[in-house]
Amino acid sequence: MLKVDVPQILISSAAISGIGLVWYDFNKKVYETVFNLLKGTLRDTFEEKARKIKEIEKEIRRIKEVKEEIRRIEEEEEEEAVGNRLILF
């Protein structure tokens, strides 16, 4: 007949359970750390891209304003030139 040593089984089970809990806690901490690092990296990347997009939009608005100002000045110069021609005739 097979001899069962109950205290040895209890000690082995407790050791295996303790190692399992330590291993689970370690993996949980590693997962949380890696997740937070990746989240921070991606958040910074998205924030940086959003900031760049806002800067580009601001620059586009500025360029449009400059183009409009140039067009307005050219129209004024053209009207002035037409007025000068009329005076000459």
Protein backbone atom coordinates (compact mmCIF):
# COMPACT_ATOMS: atom_id res chain seq x y z
CA MET A 1 0.00 0.00 0.00
CA LEU A 2 1.08 3.58 -0.76
CA LYS A 3 2.23 5.51 2.27
CA VAL A 4 0.94 9.12 2.33
CA ASP A 5 2.89 11.62 4.38
CA VAL A 6 0.27 14.30 5.15
CA PRO A 7 2.64 16.84 6.74
CA GLN A 8 4.98 16.61 3.75
CA ILE A 9 2.06 17.16 1.35
CA LEU A 10 0.88 20.19 3.35
CA ILE A 11 4.39 21.70 3.43
CA SER A 12 4.87 21.13 -0.31
CA SER A 13 1.46 22.62 -1.11
CA ALA A 14 2.18 25.67 1.05
CA ALA A 15 5.57 26.17 -0.63
CA ILE A 16 4.08 25.84 -4.11
CA SER A 17 1.24 28.23 -3.22
CA GLY A 18 3.69 30.77 -1.74
CA ILE A 19 5.91 30.62 -4.82
CA GLY A 20 2.83 30.96 -7.02
CA LEU A 21 1.66 34.07 -5.14
CA VAL A 22 5.11 35.66 -5.35
CA TRP A 23 5.28 34.85 -9.08
CA TYR A 24 1.77 36.29 -9.64
CA ASP A 25 2.62 39.48 -7.73
CA PHE A 26 5.85 39.89 -9.71
CA ASN A 27 4.08 39.44 -13.05
CA LYS A 28 1.34 41.88 -12.01
CA LYS A 29 3.91 44.55 -11.09
CA VAL A 30 5.80 44.02 -14.35
CA TYR A 31 2.58 44.29 -16.36
CA GLU A 32 1.50 47.49 -14.59
CA THR A 33 4.94 49.07 -15.02
CA VAL A 34 5.18 48.24 -18.71
CA PHE A 35 1.58 49.34 -19.29
CA ASN A 36 2.17 52.70 -17.57
CA LEU A 37 5.39 53.27 -19.53
CA LEU A 38 3.69 52.52 -22.83
CA LYS A 39 0.68 54.63 -21.93
CA GLY A 40 2.92 57.55 -21.01
CA THR A 41 4.90 57.20 -24.22
CA LEU A 42 1.80 57.06 -26.39
CA ARG A 43 0.12 59.91 -24.53
CA ASP A 44 3.21 62.09 -25.02
CA THR A 45 3.29 61.12 -28.68
CA PHE A 46 -0.38 62.02 -29.17
CA GLU A 47 0.00 65.27 -27.25
CA GLU A 48 3.08 66.15 -29.30
CA LYS A 49 1.22 65.41 -32.55
CA ALA A 50 -1.78 67.48 -31.42
CA ARG A 51 0.55 70.37 -30.54
CA LYS A 52 2.25 70.16 -33.94
CA ILE A 53 -1.13 70.08 -35.71
CA LYS A 54 -2.21 73.21 -33.82
CA GLU A 55 1.05 74.95 -34.77
CA ILE A 56 0.60 73.99 -38.43
CA GLU A 57 -3.01 75.22 -38.41
CA LYS A 58 -1.85 78.50 -36.86
CA GLU A 59 0.85 78.85 -39.52
CA ILE A 60 -1.70 78.13 -42.29
CA ARG A 61 -4.00 80.86 -40.92
CA ARG A 62 -1.05 83.27 -40.82
CA ILE A 63 -0.10 82.44 -44.42
CA LYS A 64 -3.70 82.95 -45.56
CA GLU A 65 -3.77 86.34 -43.83
CA VAL A 66 -0.52 87.34 -45.52
CA LYS A 67 -1.82 86.20 -48.91
CA GLU A 68 -5.01 88.19 -48.37
CA GLU A 69 -2.99 91.27 -47.40
CA ILE A 70 -0.79 90.89 -50.50
CA ARG A 71 -3.88 90.51 -52.70
CA ARG A 72 -5.44 93.61 -51.13
CA ILE A 73 -2.25 95.66 -51.66
CA GLU A 74 -1.99 94.49 -55.28
CA GLU A 75 -5.62 95.51 -55.89
CA GLU A 76 -4.98 98.92 -54.36
CA GLU A 77 -1.87 99.38 -56.52
CA GLU A 78 -3.80 98.29 -59.60
CA GLU A 79 -6.63 100.75 -58.81
CA GLU A 80 -4.06 103.48 -58.25
CA ALA A 81 -2.36 102.67 -61.56
CA VAL A 82 -5.72 102.77 -63.36
CA GLY A 83 -6.47 106.12 -61.71
CA ASN A 84 -3.10 107.51 -62.80
CA ARG A 85 -3.75 106.40 -66.38
CA LEU A 86 -7.12 108.14 -66.37
CA ILE A 87 -5.50 111.34 -65.17
CA LEU A 88 -2.95 111.17 -67.99
CA PHE A 89 -5.65 110.88 -70.68
